[in-house]
N, C-alpha and C. Protein backbone atom coordinates (compact mmCIF):
# COMPACT_ATOMS: atom_id res chain seq x y z
N UNK A 1 11.68 10.17 -3.63
CA UNK A 1 11.40 9.66 -4.75
C UNK A 1 12.59 9.82 -5.46
N UNK A 2 13.19 10.78 -5.20
CA UNK A 2 14.46 11.29 -5.81
C UNK A 2 14.34 12.68 -6.94
N UNK A 3 15.13 12.95 -7.37
CA UNK A 3 14.87 14.09 -8.41
C UNK A 3 14.66 13.57 -9.85
N UNK A 4 13.30 13.27 -10.09
CA UNK A 4 12.91 12.42 -11.48
C UNK A 4 12.32 13.52 -12.17
N UNK A 5 12.80 13.97 -13.35
CA UNK A 5 12.18 15.04 -14.02
C UNK A 5 11.24 14.40 -15.26
N UNK A 6 11.12 15.53 -16.14
CA UNK A 6 10.04 14.89 -17.15
C UNK A 6 10.87 13.98 -18.08
N UNK A 7 12.05 13.96 -18.29
CA UNK A 7 12.94 13.16 -19.42
C UNK A 7 12.87 11.95 -18.59
N UNK A 8 13.32 11.55 -17.52
CA UNK A 8 13.17 10.53 -16.92
C UNK A 8 12.16 9.57 -16.84
N UNK A 9 11.16 10.49 -16.60
CA UNK A 9 9.85 9.82 -16.58
C UNK A 9 9.19 9.13 -18.05
N UNK A 10 9.65 10.22 -19.08
CA UNK A 10 9.18 9.97 -20.32
C UNK A 10 10.14 8.43 -20.62
N UNK A 11 11.20 8.56 -20.27
CA UNK A 11 12.06 7.32 -20.56
C UNK A 11 11.64 5.95 -19.92
N UNK A 12 11.09 6.10 -18.74
CA UNK A 12 10.96 5.01 -17.94
C UNK A 12 9.41 4.49 -18.70
N UNK A 13 8.44 5.47 -19.30
CA UNK A 13 7.36 4.97 -19.84
C UNK A 13 7.56 4.42 -21.26
N UNK A 14 8.53 4.87 -21.88
CA UNK A 14 8.93 4.06 -22.93
C UNK A 14 9.35 2.73 -23.02
N UNK A 15 10.52 2.54 -21.80
CA UNK A 15 10.74 1.10 -21.62
C UNK A 15 9.77 0.42 -20.98
N UNK A 16 8.86 0.73 -20.48
CA UNK A 16 7.68 0.04 -19.84
C UNK A 16 6.78 -0.46 -21.23
N UNK A 17 6.61 0.49 -22.10
CA UNK A 17 5.60 0.29 -23.30
C UNK A 17 6.68 -0.83 -24.12
N UNK A 18 8.04 -0.55 -24.33
CA UNK A 18 8.34 -1.58 -25.08
C UNK A 18 8.39 -3.08 -24.48
N UNK A 19 8.82 -2.86 -23.04
CA UNK A 19 8.90 -4.29 -22.40
C UNK A 19 7.65 -5.10 -22.43
N UNK A 20 6.39 -4.41 -21.95
CA UNK A 20 5.20 -4.86 -21.81
C UNK A 20 4.17 -4.95 -23.30
N UNK A 21 4.74 -4.07 -23.83
CA UNK A 21 3.61 -3.91 -25.30
C UNK A 21 2.02 -3.11 -24.58
N UNK A 22 1.56 -2.49 -25.57
CA UNK A 22 0.25 -1.78 -25.51
C UNK A 22 -0.98 -2.65 -24.93
N UNK A 23 -1.08 -3.97 -24.90
CA UNK A 23 -2.16 -4.73 -24.57
C UNK A 23 -1.93 -5.23 -23.04
N UNK A 24 -0.64 -5.35 -22.42
CA UNK A 24 -0.23 -5.87 -21.58
C UNK A 24 -0.28 -4.91 -20.13
N UNK A 25 0.26 -3.45 -20.77
CA UNK A 25 -0.14 -2.37 -19.73
C UNK A 25 -1.30 -2.40 -18.98
N UNK A 26 -2.34 -2.35 -19.41
CA UNK A 26 -3.86 -2.09 -18.65
C UNK A 26 -3.76 -3.24 -17.52
N UNK A 27 -3.33 -4.62 -18.01
CA UNK A 27 -3.70 -5.74 -17.34
C UNK A 27 -2.56 -5.67 -16.10
N UNK A 28 -1.42 -5.07 -16.27
CA UNK A 28 -0.30 -5.06 -15.37
C UNK A 28 -0.71 -3.96 -14.37
N UNK A 29 -1.36 -2.76 -14.69
CA UNK A 29 -1.82 -1.53 -14.21
C UNK A 29 -2.85 -2.11 -12.89
N UNK A 30 -3.85 -2.92 -13.64
CA UNK A 30 -4.94 -3.37 -12.88
C UNK A 30 -4.26 -4.34 -11.72
N UNK A 31 -3.44 -5.16 -12.44
CA UNK A 31 -2.97 -6.21 -10.90
C UNK A 31 -2.08 -5.13 -10.09
N UNK A 32 -1.38 -4.22 -10.40
CA UNK A 32 -0.73 -3.46 -9.31
C UNK A 32 -1.78 -2.62 -8.45
N UNK A 33 -2.91 -2.16 -9.26
CA UNK A 33 -3.88 -1.34 -8.44
C UNK A 33 -4.41 -2.56 -7.28
N UNK A 34 -4.62 -3.62 -7.75
CA UNK A 34 -5.31 -4.66 -6.61
C UNK A 34 -4.28 -4.78 -5.52
N UNK A 35 -3.08 -5.17 -5.84
CA UNK A 35 -1.70 -5.25 -4.84
C UNK A 35 -1.97 -4.08 -3.89
N UNK A 36 -2.06 -2.95 -4.37
CA UNK A 36 -2.12 -1.85 -3.49
C UNK A 36 -3.15 -1.69 -2.73
N UNK A 37 -4.35 -2.01 -3.08
CA UNK A 37 -5.47 -2.07 -2.57
C UNK A 37 -5.43 -3.19 -1.53
N UNK A 38 -5.02 -4.27 -1.63
CA UNK A 38 -4.79 -5.36 -0.49
C UNK A 38 -3.90 -4.96 0.48
N UNK A 39 -2.95 -4.35 -0.04
CA UNK A 39 -1.73 -3.89 0.88
C UNK A 39 -2.37 -2.89 2.05
N UNK A 40 -3.18 -1.82 1.37
CA UNK A 40 -3.79 -0.69 2.15
C UNK A 40 -4.96 -1.51 3.09
N UNK A 41 -5.69 -2.43 2.63
CA UNK A 41 -6.59 -2.71 3.56
C UNK A 41 -6.24 -3.78 4.67
N UNK A 42 -4.87 -4.61 4.45
CA UNK A 42 -4.31 -5.04 5.45
C UNK A 42 -3.83 -4.32 6.44
N UNK A 43 -3.07 -2.98 5.69
CA UNK A 43 -2.47 -2.17 7.07
C UNK A 43 -3.59 -1.40 7.77
N UNK A 44 -4.91 -1.15 7.07
CA UNK A 44 -5.89 -0.72 7.79
C UNK A 44 -6.20 -1.56 9.04
N UNK A 45 -6.47 -2.71 8.68
CA UNK A 45 -6.69 -3.75 9.96
C UNK A 45 -6.22 -4.05 10.83
N UNK A 46 -4.80 -4.01 10.47
CA UNK A 46 -3.60 -4.01 11.46
C UNK A 46 -3.79 -2.67 12.17
N UNK A 47 -3.73 -1.80 12.00
CA UNK A 47 -3.90 -0.31 12.72
C UNK A 47 -5.35 -0.36 13.47
N UNK A 48 -6.43 -0.90 12.94
CA UNK A 48 -7.60 -1.29 13.76
C UNK A 48 -7.59 -2.20 14.87
N UNK A 49 -7.25 -3.24 14.48
CA UNK A 49 -7.11 -4.22 15.54
C UNK A 49 -5.83 -3.66 16.85
N UNK A 50 -4.79 -3.13 16.29
CA UNK A 50 -3.92 -2.46 17.27
C UNK A 50 -4.50 -1.31 18.10
N UNK A 51 -5.29 -0.46 17.47
CA UNK A 51 -6.26 0.84 18.19
C UNK A 51 -7.35 -0.14 19.42
N UNK A 52 -7.92 -1.13 18.61
CA UNK A 52 -8.63 -1.64 19.39
C UNK A 52 -8.19 -2.61 20.92
N UNK A 53 -6.90 -3.02 20.39
CA UNK A 53 -6.50 -3.62 21.73
C UNK A 53 -5.88 -2.65 22.66
N UNK A 54 -5.51 -1.46 22.35
CA UNK A 54 -5.03 -0.34 23.36
C UNK A 54 -6.38 0.22 24.04
N UNK A 55 -7.39 0.17 23.29
CA UNK A 55 -8.78 0.49 24.06
C UNK A 55 -9.06 -0.38 24.97
N UNK A 56 -9.13 -1.90 24.74
CA UNK A 56 -9.61 -3.04 25.91
C UNK A 56 -8.19 -2.99 26.81
N UNK A 57 -7.19 -2.46 26.47
CA UNK A 57 -6.18 -2.44 27.54
C UNK A 57 -6.33 -1.38 28.73
N UNK A 58 -6.94 -0.21 28.23
CA UNK A 58 -7.24 0.90 28.69
C UNK A 58 -8.60 0.51 29.55
N UNK A 59 -9.35 -0.28 29.29
CA UNK A 59 -10.86 -0.12 29.78
C UNK A 59 -10.70 -1.34 30.76
N UNK A 60 -9.99 -2.53 30.84
CA UNK A 60 -9.63 -3.35 31.64
C UNK A 60 -8.45 -2.94 32.80
N UNK A 61 -9.36 -3.30 34.04
CA UNK A 61 -8.74 -3.01 35.30
C UNK A 61 -7.42 -3.90 35.31
N UNK A 62 -6.28 -3.30 35.83
CA UNK A 62 -4.92 -4.03 35.68
C UNK A 62 -4.84 -4.69 37.17
N UNK A 63 -4.02 -5.62 37.12
CA UNK A 63 -4.05 -6.52 38.66
C UNK A 63 -3.27 -5.72 39.61
N UNK A 64 -2.39 -4.90 39.33
CA UNK A 64 -1.64 -4.04 40.26
C UNK A 64 -2.50 -3.03 41.06
N UNK A 65 -3.52 -2.66 40.62
CA UNK A 65 -4.45 -1.34 40.96
C UNK A 65 -5.58 -2.16 41.92
N UNK A 66 -5.60 -3.25 42.28
CA UNK A 66 -6.39 -3.76 43.23
C UNK A 66 -6.30 -3.52 44.62
């Protein structure tokens, strides 16, 4: 993430507060949280499908082994 110190984080927080206002920040964070949650769910689903596919491949006898 780089070398962000306290002053940089404080400056970013002040800019966000000025741009969005006090009432919009909770709504913005809620939407951001939903987006992150959906991304993680999709990532987990893809990972599970890949693992299931690998297990299926290992279980099924290949045509070259006959």
